[in-house]
Amino acid sequence: MHKARSTPLALLICMATLTACNTLPTAPTEGAWLSIHAPDAMDALSPALNSFLTEAPAGSSIALSDSPWGNDVLIHAEAAYFAASGRTCRGLVVQGEHGQRPALVCRKSEAEWEEVRVLTGPVGDITP
């Protein structure tokens, strides 16, 4: 008889678990992507930089007097790739007065990119 009483409880727990899983979103919704800044504080990338990121092949560089990574920087673009988030992203190497550092941008729309947080860093030297 002890077994008969625990069966409804086990069934109730299974149903609660399945219901909870069914209510979770299966994919990020608009605006759910991790950005380096809060969406309101994010500076839009310049039209020149957006165009460069959309059209330039891997290994290309652009010099910018003003960018999200500072003034008077040289940006080297890596190849575009499909991230686990489902978006197209590009790694960048940003060279400025304080040396070079990695940066990451992902497509926001067909013609716009946005800066996103770099989650991993290079193991060795960064080379453009």
Protein backbone atom coordinates (compact mmCIF):
# COMPACT_ATOMS: atom_id res chain seq x y z
CA MET A 1 0.00 0.00 0.00
CA HIS A 2 2.88 2.37 0.57
CA LYS A 3 3.62 2.23 -3.18
CA ALA A 4 0.07 3.26 -4.12
CA ARG A 5 0.28 6.55 -2.16
CA SER A 6 3.61 7.64 -3.67
CA THR A 7 2.46 7.15 -7.27
CA PRO A 8 0.11 10.20 -7.34
CA LEU A 9 2.81 12.33 -5.74
CA ALA A 10 5.40 11.23 -8.32
CA LEU A 11 2.90 11.89 -11.10
CA LEU A 12 2.20 15.37 -9.72
CA ILE A 13 5.92 16.18 -9.59
CA CYS A 14 6.43 15.00 -13.18
CA MET A 15 3.51 17.09 -14.41
CA ALA A 16 4.79 20.19 -12.60
CA THR A 17 8.25 19.73 -14.11
CA LEU A 18 6.93 19.28 -17.64
CA THR A 19 4.65 22.29 -17.29
CA ALA A 20 7.57 24.46 -16.13
CA CYS A 21 9.70 23.34 -19.09
CA ASN A 22 6.88 24.15 -21.48
CA THR A 23 6.63 27.75 -20.23
CA LEU A 24 10.33 28.59 -20.74
CA PRO A 25 11.22 30.40 -23.98
CA THR A 26 13.03 28.23 -26.52
CA ALA A 27 14.93 31.07 -28.19
CA PRO A 28 15.97 34.58 -27.21
CA THR A 29 13.39 37.21 -28.04
CA GLU A 30 14.15 40.59 -29.56
CA GLY A 31 16.39 42.58 -27.24
CA ALA A 32 17.40 39.54 -25.19
CA TRP A 33 20.95 39.43 -26.53
CA LEU A 34 23.77 40.31 -24.17
CA SER A 35 25.27 43.63 -25.11
CA ILE A 36 28.21 45.37 -23.55
CA HIS A 37 25.97 48.26 -22.47
CA ALA A 38 22.33 48.57 -21.52
CA PRO A 39 20.25 49.00 -24.72
CA ASP A 40 19.44 52.64 -23.90
CA ALA A 41 23.09 53.53 -23.29
CA MET A 42 24.50 51.72 -26.35
CA ASP A 43 26.14 53.98 -28.87
CA ALA A 44 25.14 53.12 -32.41
CA LEU A 45 27.99 52.19 -34.70
CA SER A 46 28.72 54.75 -37.40
CA PRO A 47 27.41 54.20 -40.93
CA ALA A 48 31.01 53.89 -42.15
CA LEU A 49 31.77 51.16 -39.60
CA ASN A 50 28.48 49.34 -40.33
CA SER A 51 29.30 49.39 -44.05
CA PHE A 52 32.85 48.16 -43.41
CA LEU A 53 31.63 45.28 -41.22
CA THR A 54 29.05 44.24 -43.82
CA GLU A 55 31.28 44.41 -46.89
CA ALA A 56 34.94 43.98 -45.90
CA PRO A 57 36.62 40.60 -46.29
CA ALA A 58 38.50 38.98 -43.40
CA GLY A 59 41.83 40.67 -42.73
CA SER A 60 40.63 44.12 -43.78
CA SER A 61 41.31 47.19 -41.67
CA ILE A 62 39.69 50.57 -41.16
CA ALA A 63 41.03 53.63 -39.34
CA LEU A 64 38.44 55.58 -37.35
CA SER A 65 38.83 58.91 -35.59
CA ASP A 66 35.83 58.08 -33.36
CA SER A 67 34.56 54.63 -32.38
CA PRO A 68 32.98 52.75 -29.45
CA TRP A 69 36.52 51.64 -28.55
CA GLY A 70 38.01 55.12 -28.39
CA ASN A 71 39.40 57.79 -30.67
CA ASP A 72 41.98 57.27 -33.41
CA VAL A 73 41.82 53.47 -33.58
CA LEU A 74 42.69 50.95 -36.26
CA ILE A 75 40.21 48.08 -36.48
CA HIS A 76 41.14 44.73 -38.06
CA ALA A 77 38.17 42.53 -38.97
CA GLU A 78 38.19 38.75 -38.74
CA ALA A 79 35.92 36.49 -40.78
CA ALA A 80 32.19 36.57 -40.05
CA TYR A 81 30.78 33.45 -38.39
CA PHE A 82 27.47 32.11 -37.14
CA ALA A 83 27.42 32.29 -33.34
CA ALA A 84 25.56 29.90 -31.06
CA SER A 85 23.05 32.73 -30.55
CA GLY A 86 22.00 32.32 -34.18
CA ARG A 87 23.42 35.67 -35.23
CA THR A 88 26.26 36.53 -37.58
CA CYS A 89 29.22 37.94 -35.64
CA ARG A 90 32.74 39.17 -36.37
CA GLY A 91 35.76 39.28 -34.13
CA LEU A 92 37.78 42.46 -34.24
CA VAL A 93 41.22 43.52 -33.11
CA VAL A 94 41.22 47.16 -32.04
CA GLN A 95 44.55 49.00 -32.00
CA GLY A 96 44.72 52.29 -30.14
CA GLU A 97 47.08 54.37 -28.08
CA HIS A 98 46.99 51.79 -25.25
CA GLY A 99 47.83 48.78 -27.42
CA GLN A 100 45.47 46.27 -28.94
CA ARG A 101 42.51 44.36 -27.59
CA PRO A 102 39.80 42.06 -28.89
CA ALA A 103 36.28 43.27 -29.62
CA LEU A 104 33.16 41.56 -30.94
CA VAL A 105 30.24 42.77 -33.04
CA CYS A 106 27.10 40.94 -34.13
CA ARG A 107 24.44 41.76 -36.69
CA LYS A 108 21.56 43.74 -35.26
CA SER A 109 19.73 43.94 -38.60
CA GLU A 110 20.57 43.48 -42.26
CA ALA A 111 22.48 46.79 -42.36
CA GLU A 112 23.48 47.33 -38.72
CA TRP A 113 25.92 45.73 -36.31
CA GLU A 114 26.21 46.18 -32.55
CA GLU A 115 29.05 45.76 -30.11
CA VAL A 116 28.62 42.75 -27.82
CA ARG A 117 30.57 41.51 -24.85
CA VAL A 118 33.64 39.38 -25.55
CA LEU A 119 33.13 36.23 -23.48
CA THR A 120 36.55 34.65 -24.04
CA GLY A 121 39.99 36.06 -24.54
CA PRO A 122 42.96 35.06 -26.61
CA VAL A 123 45.44 32.54 -25.25
CA GLY A 124 48.46 34.19 -26.80
CA ASP A 125 49.25 37.43 -28.55
CA ILE A 126 46.56 39.11 -30.62
CA THR A 127 47.69 39.41 -34.20
CA PRO A 128 45.74 41.30 -36.85
